[in-house]
Amino acid sequence: MTAKENALNWFEISVSDMNRAKKFYETVFGIEMQEQEMMGMKMAFFPAEDMNGKVSGSLVQGPMHKPSADGAKIYLNGNPDLDIALGKVAAAGGKVTMPKTKISDEVGCVAFFTDTEGNTVAMHSNK
C-alpha cells in the first residue's frame, strides 16, 4: 500500500436476511444491487465500475458473516447531501443513531444508522 492507493479496496456488510437487507440499502441510497452466489455465500453488490480502482463492496450472507453493531465502521457515500439518504433510513426499516453532524466545511458531514440487520454503519457527504 502506498499513499497514492486506497487504504481500503473492498468492504462487506454482514446480513442475516439478504432480501430484507438488499431492499433497505436499495431504498436508502436509490440504487440497484445485483445478487450472486459465490463460495457458499449470498452476495448483493453496491454499484461499481469493474476494476477501476475505486472502492466498492457488497452485502454478504454466509457462515463467516454475522451482523453486529460493534467492530469496524464503514462510511458509505451519502453525496450530494446526507439529508437525502438519511431521510430514508427509518422508512426502510433502519434507525438513525447519530444525526447529520458537521465535521468542518472542508471535510463535510457524517451520520450513523443501524440497518435492518443490526449493523451500525456510517454515511459521509460533502455537505
Protein backbone atom coordinates (compact mmCIF):
# COMPACT_ATOMS: atom_id res chain seq x y z
CA MET A 1 0.00 0.00 0.00
CA THR A 2 1.21 3.50 -0.82
CA ALA A 3 -0.14 6.99 -0.17
CA LYS A 4 -1.45 7.06 -3.75
CA GLU A 5 -3.58 3.93 -3.28
CA ASN A 6 -6.86 3.43 -1.43
CA ALA A 7 -6.28 2.08 2.09
CA LEU A 8 -9.49 0.13 1.64
CA ASN A 9 -10.16 -1.90 -1.50
CA TRP A 10 -13.31 -3.86 -0.59
CA PHE A 11 -15.91 -3.99 2.16
CA GLU A 12 -18.58 -6.47 3.15
CA ILE A 13 -21.62 -5.77 5.29
CA SER A 14 -22.82 -8.91 7.05
CA VAL A 15 -26.52 -9.72 6.78
CA SER A 16 -28.84 -12.43 8.09
CA ASP A 17 -31.71 -11.80 5.63
CA MET A 18 -30.44 -10.87 2.15
CA ASN A 19 -33.81 -9.83 0.72
CA ARG A 20 -34.56 -7.52 3.65
CA ALA A 21 -31.05 -6.02 3.70
CA LYS A 22 -30.91 -5.53 -0.08
CA LYS A 23 -34.26 -3.74 -0.03
CA PHE A 24 -33.06 -1.49 2.80
CA TYR A 25 -29.85 -0.36 1.04
CA GLU A 26 -31.53 0.00 -2.36
CA THR A 27 -34.24 2.17 -0.78
CA VAL A 28 -31.92 4.36 1.30
CA PHE A 29 -29.37 5.03 -1.47
CA GLY A 30 -31.65 4.83 -4.52
CA ILE A 31 -29.52 2.11 -6.12
CA GLU A 32 -29.98 -1.33 -7.66
CA MET A 33 -27.84 -4.15 -6.30
CA GLN A 34 -27.03 -7.25 -8.33
CA GLU A 35 -27.12 -10.58 -6.48
CA GLN A 36 -24.84 -13.57 -6.91
CA GLU A 37 -23.92 -16.71 -5.01
CA MET A 38 -20.20 -17.18 -4.55
CA MET A 39 -18.19 -19.59 -2.39
CA GLY A 40 -21.29 -20.70 -0.50
CA MET A 41 -22.40 -17.12 0.27
CA LYS A 42 -25.19 -14.91 -0.99
CA MET A 43 -23.90 -11.52 -2.11
CA ALA A 44 -25.52 -8.28 -3.31
CA PHE A 45 -23.11 -5.76 -4.82
CA PHE A 46 -23.03 -2.00 -4.45
CA PRO A 47 -22.78 -0.29 -7.87
CA ALA A 48 -19.23 -0.09 -9.24
CA GLU A 49 -17.30 0.03 -12.47
CA ASP A 50 -15.25 -3.14 -12.85
CA MET A 51 -11.62 -2.91 -11.80
CA ASN A 52 -11.40 0.90 -11.94
CA GLY A 53 -9.53 1.29 -8.66
CA LYS A 54 -12.46 2.78 -6.75
CA VAL A 55 -13.57 1.08 -3.55
CA SER A 56 -16.78 -0.91 -3.56
CA GLY A 57 -18.32 -3.77 -1.62
CA SER A 58 -21.29 -5.97 -1.02
CA LEU A 59 -23.85 -7.30 1.40
CA VAL A 60 -22.93 -10.87 2.37
CA GLN A 61 -24.95 -13.66 3.95
CA GLY A 62 -22.82 -16.65 4.86
CA PRO A 63 -21.25 -18.69 7.64
CA MET A 64 -18.40 -16.23 8.30
CA HIS A 65 -20.66 -13.16 8.33
CA LYS A 66 -22.61 -12.15 11.44
CA PRO A 67 -24.30 -8.73 11.64
CA SER A 68 -23.03 -6.60 14.52
CA ALA A 69 -23.29 -3.11 15.92
CA ASP A 70 -19.71 -3.47 17.20
CA GLY A 71 -16.42 -3.55 15.33
CA ALA A 72 -15.05 -1.65 12.36
CA LYS A 73 -17.19 1.10 10.84
CA ILE A 74 -17.52 1.84 7.17
CA TYR A 75 -18.65 5.19 5.78
CA LEU A 76 -20.90 4.94 2.74
CA ASN A 77 -21.11 7.79 0.27
CA GLY A 78 -24.11 9.96 1.10
CA ASN A 79 -23.39 12.67 -1.52
CA PRO A 80 -24.62 15.05 -2.70
CA ASP A 81 -26.30 15.79 0.66
CA LEU A 82 -26.52 13.39 3.59
CA ASP A 83 -30.06 14.51 4.36
CA ILE A 84 -31.39 12.75 1.25
CA ALA A 85 -30.24 9.20 2.12
CA LEU A 86 -30.53 9.71 5.88
CA GLY A 87 -34.16 10.76 5.46
CA LYS A 88 -34.97 7.32 4.03
CA VAL A 89 -33.42 5.19 6.80
CA ALA A 90 -36.42 4.92 9.17
CA ALA A 91 -38.97 4.28 6.40
CA ALA A 92 -36.72 1.50 5.07
CA GLY A 93 -36.66 -0.22 8.48
CA GLY A 94 -33.47 1.20 9.99
CA LYS A 95 -32.78 3.71 12.74
CA VAL A 96 -30.67 6.87 12.71
CA THR A 97 -28.38 6.61 15.74
CA MET A 98 -26.39 9.82 15.18
CA PRO A 99 -27.99 12.56 13.09
CA LYS A 100 -26.16 14.50 10.40
CA THR A 101 -23.23 16.12 12.15
CA LYS A 102 -20.90 18.68 10.56
CA ILE A 103 -17.21 17.91 10.92
CA SER A 104 -16.00 21.05 9.10
CA ASP A 105 -16.57 22.98 5.87
CA GLU A 106 -13.62 21.17 4.28
CA VAL A 107 -14.47 17.62 5.41
CA GLY A 108 -18.28 17.67 5.32
CA CYS A 109 -20.79 15.77 7.44
CA VAL A 110 -21.27 12.30 8.95
CA ALA A 111 -24.14 10.33 10.44
CA PHE A 112 -24.60 6.82 11.85
CA PHE A 113 -27.51 4.43 11.41
CA THR A 114 -28.47 0.89 12.30
CA ASP A 115 -29.60 -1.17 9.31
CA THR A 116 -32.29 -3.85 9.24
CA GLU A 117 -29.70 -6.49 10.17
CA GLY A 118 -28.41 -4.78 13.33
CA ASN A 119 -25.19 -3.38 11.81
CA THR A 120 -24.05 0.11 12.75
CA VAL A 121 -22.98 1.86 9.54
CA ALA A 122 -21.98 5.45 8.82
CA MET A 123 -22.55 7.86 5.94
CA HIS A 124 -20.47 10.81 4.81
CA SER A 125 -21.27 13.67 2.46
CA ASN A 126 -19.54 16.86 1.45
CA LYS A 127 -22.48 18.92 2.72
